[in-house]
Amino acid sequence: MIEIPDKPMTIREAAELTGLTEDTLRYYERIDLLPPAERRPNGHRFYTAGQVQGIVFLMKLKSIGMTLAQMRQFRKLSGEGCDLSAYE
């Protein structure tokens, strides 16, 4: 289990923690798989512990064979408060 610090993290720190690259995190945001990251006044992204937990969850979905399109649909449904028990 990944220990996620309870502090804002740079994109580099989030990438190192999740095992993804910075480019992958940017790509996932661009294709709407991840919600837009918060931005500092200088424009640099930062991620909260909750956002990093969401990235880790997406990695688990990917590890069971979900495609990016399926993960995006899953995120959309769960964000709408949809009852996901029908998909079990």
Protein backbone atom coordinates (compact mmCIF):
# COMPACT_ATOMS: atom_id res chain seq x y z
CA MET A 1 0.00 0.00 0.00
CA ILE A 2 1.27 3.44 -0.91
CA GLU A 3 1.72 5.93 1.93
CA ILE A 4 0.35 9.24 0.66
CA PRO A 5 1.53 12.34 2.53
CA ASP A 6 -1.15 14.79 3.63
CA LYS A 7 0.39 17.78 1.89
CA PRO A 8 0.15 19.29 -1.59
CA MET A 9 2.50 17.53 -4.01
CA THR A 10 4.16 18.72 -7.18
CA ILE A 11 3.56 16.79 -10.37
CA ARG A 12 7.04 15.27 -9.96
CA GLU A 13 6.25 14.06 -6.44
CA ALA A 14 2.87 12.65 -7.53
CA ALA A 15 4.53 10.88 -10.47
CA GLU A 16 7.23 9.35 -8.28
CA LEU A 17 4.67 8.22 -5.72
CA THR A 18 2.35 6.60 -8.27
CA GLY A 19 4.96 5.21 -10.65
CA LEU A 20 3.58 7.20 -13.57
CA THR A 21 5.48 9.78 -15.55
CA GLU A 22 4.75 13.49 -15.40
CA ASP A 23 3.75 13.32 -19.07
CA THR A 24 1.27 10.53 -18.30
CA LEU A 25 -0.36 12.60 -15.55
CA ARG A 26 -0.67 15.55 -17.96
CA TYR A 27 -2.09 13.24 -20.64
CA TYR A 28 -4.66 11.73 -18.25
CA GLU A 29 -5.75 15.26 -17.36
CA ARG A 30 -5.93 16.26 -21.04
CA ILE A 31 -8.15 13.28 -21.95
CA ASP A 32 -10.38 13.96 -18.93
CA LEU A 33 -9.39 10.80 -17.08
CA LEU A 34 -8.21 12.99 -14.21
CA PRO A 35 -9.86 16.23 -13.14
CA PRO A 36 -7.72 19.32 -13.72
CA ALA A 37 -4.98 19.67 -11.12
CA GLU A 38 -4.92 22.69 -8.87
CA ARG A 39 -2.47 25.39 -9.97
CA ARG A 40 -0.10 27.55 -7.99
CA PRO A 41 0.17 31.26 -8.88
CA ASN A 42 3.16 30.40 -11.11
CA GLY A 43 0.97 27.94 -13.08
CA HIS A 44 2.61 24.76 -11.76
CA ARG A 45 0.29 21.87 -10.98
CA PHE A 46 -0.08 20.51 -7.49
CA TYR A 47 -2.01 17.52 -6.22
CA THR A 48 -3.78 16.94 -2.92
CA ALA A 49 -3.63 13.62 -1.07
CA GLY A 50 -7.18 12.91 -2.29
CA GLN A 51 -6.20 13.49 -5.91
CA VAL A 52 -3.21 11.17 -5.56
CA GLN A 53 -5.47 8.52 -4.01
CA GLY A 54 -7.65 8.86 -7.11
CA ILE A 55 -4.60 8.34 -9.35
CA VAL A 56 -3.64 5.24 -7.36
CA PHE A 57 -7.20 3.93 -7.78
CA LEU A 58 -7.00 4.46 -11.55
CA MET A 59 -3.76 2.47 -11.57
CA LYS A 60 -5.62 -0.40 -9.88
CA LEU A 61 -8.33 -0.25 -12.54
CA LYS A 62 -5.65 -0.32 -15.22
CA SER A 63 -3.98 -3.31 -13.54
CA ILE A 64 -7.18 -5.35 -13.90
CA GLY A 65 -7.30 -4.63 -17.62
CA MET A 66 -9.59 -1.63 -17.92
CA THR A 67 -8.97 0.53 -20.96
CA LEU A 68 -8.62 4.29 -20.65
CA ALA A 69 -12.11 4.70 -22.14
CA GLN A 70 -13.57 2.28 -19.58
CA MET A 71 -11.78 4.05 -16.73
CA ARG A 72 -13.11 7.41 -17.96
CA GLN A 73 -16.66 5.99 -18.06
CA PHE A 74 -16.22 4.48 -14.57
CA ARG A 75 -15.03 7.84 -13.25
CA LYS A 76 -17.98 9.61 -14.88
CA LEU A 77 -20.50 7.17 -13.40
CA SER A 78 -18.99 7.24 -9.94
CA GLY A 79 -18.81 11.05 -10.03
CA GLU A 80 -22.53 11.20 -10.79
CA GLY A 81 -23.31 9.10 -7.74
CA CYS A 82 -24.51 6.25 -9.92
CA ASP A 83 -25.19 2.92 -8.22
CA LEU A 84 -22.22 0.90 -9.51
CA SER A 85 -23.40 -2.38 -7.97
CA ALA A 86 -24.94 -3.34 -11.32
CA TYR A 87 -21.42 -3.44 -12.78
CA GLU A 88 -20.06 -5.98 -10.29
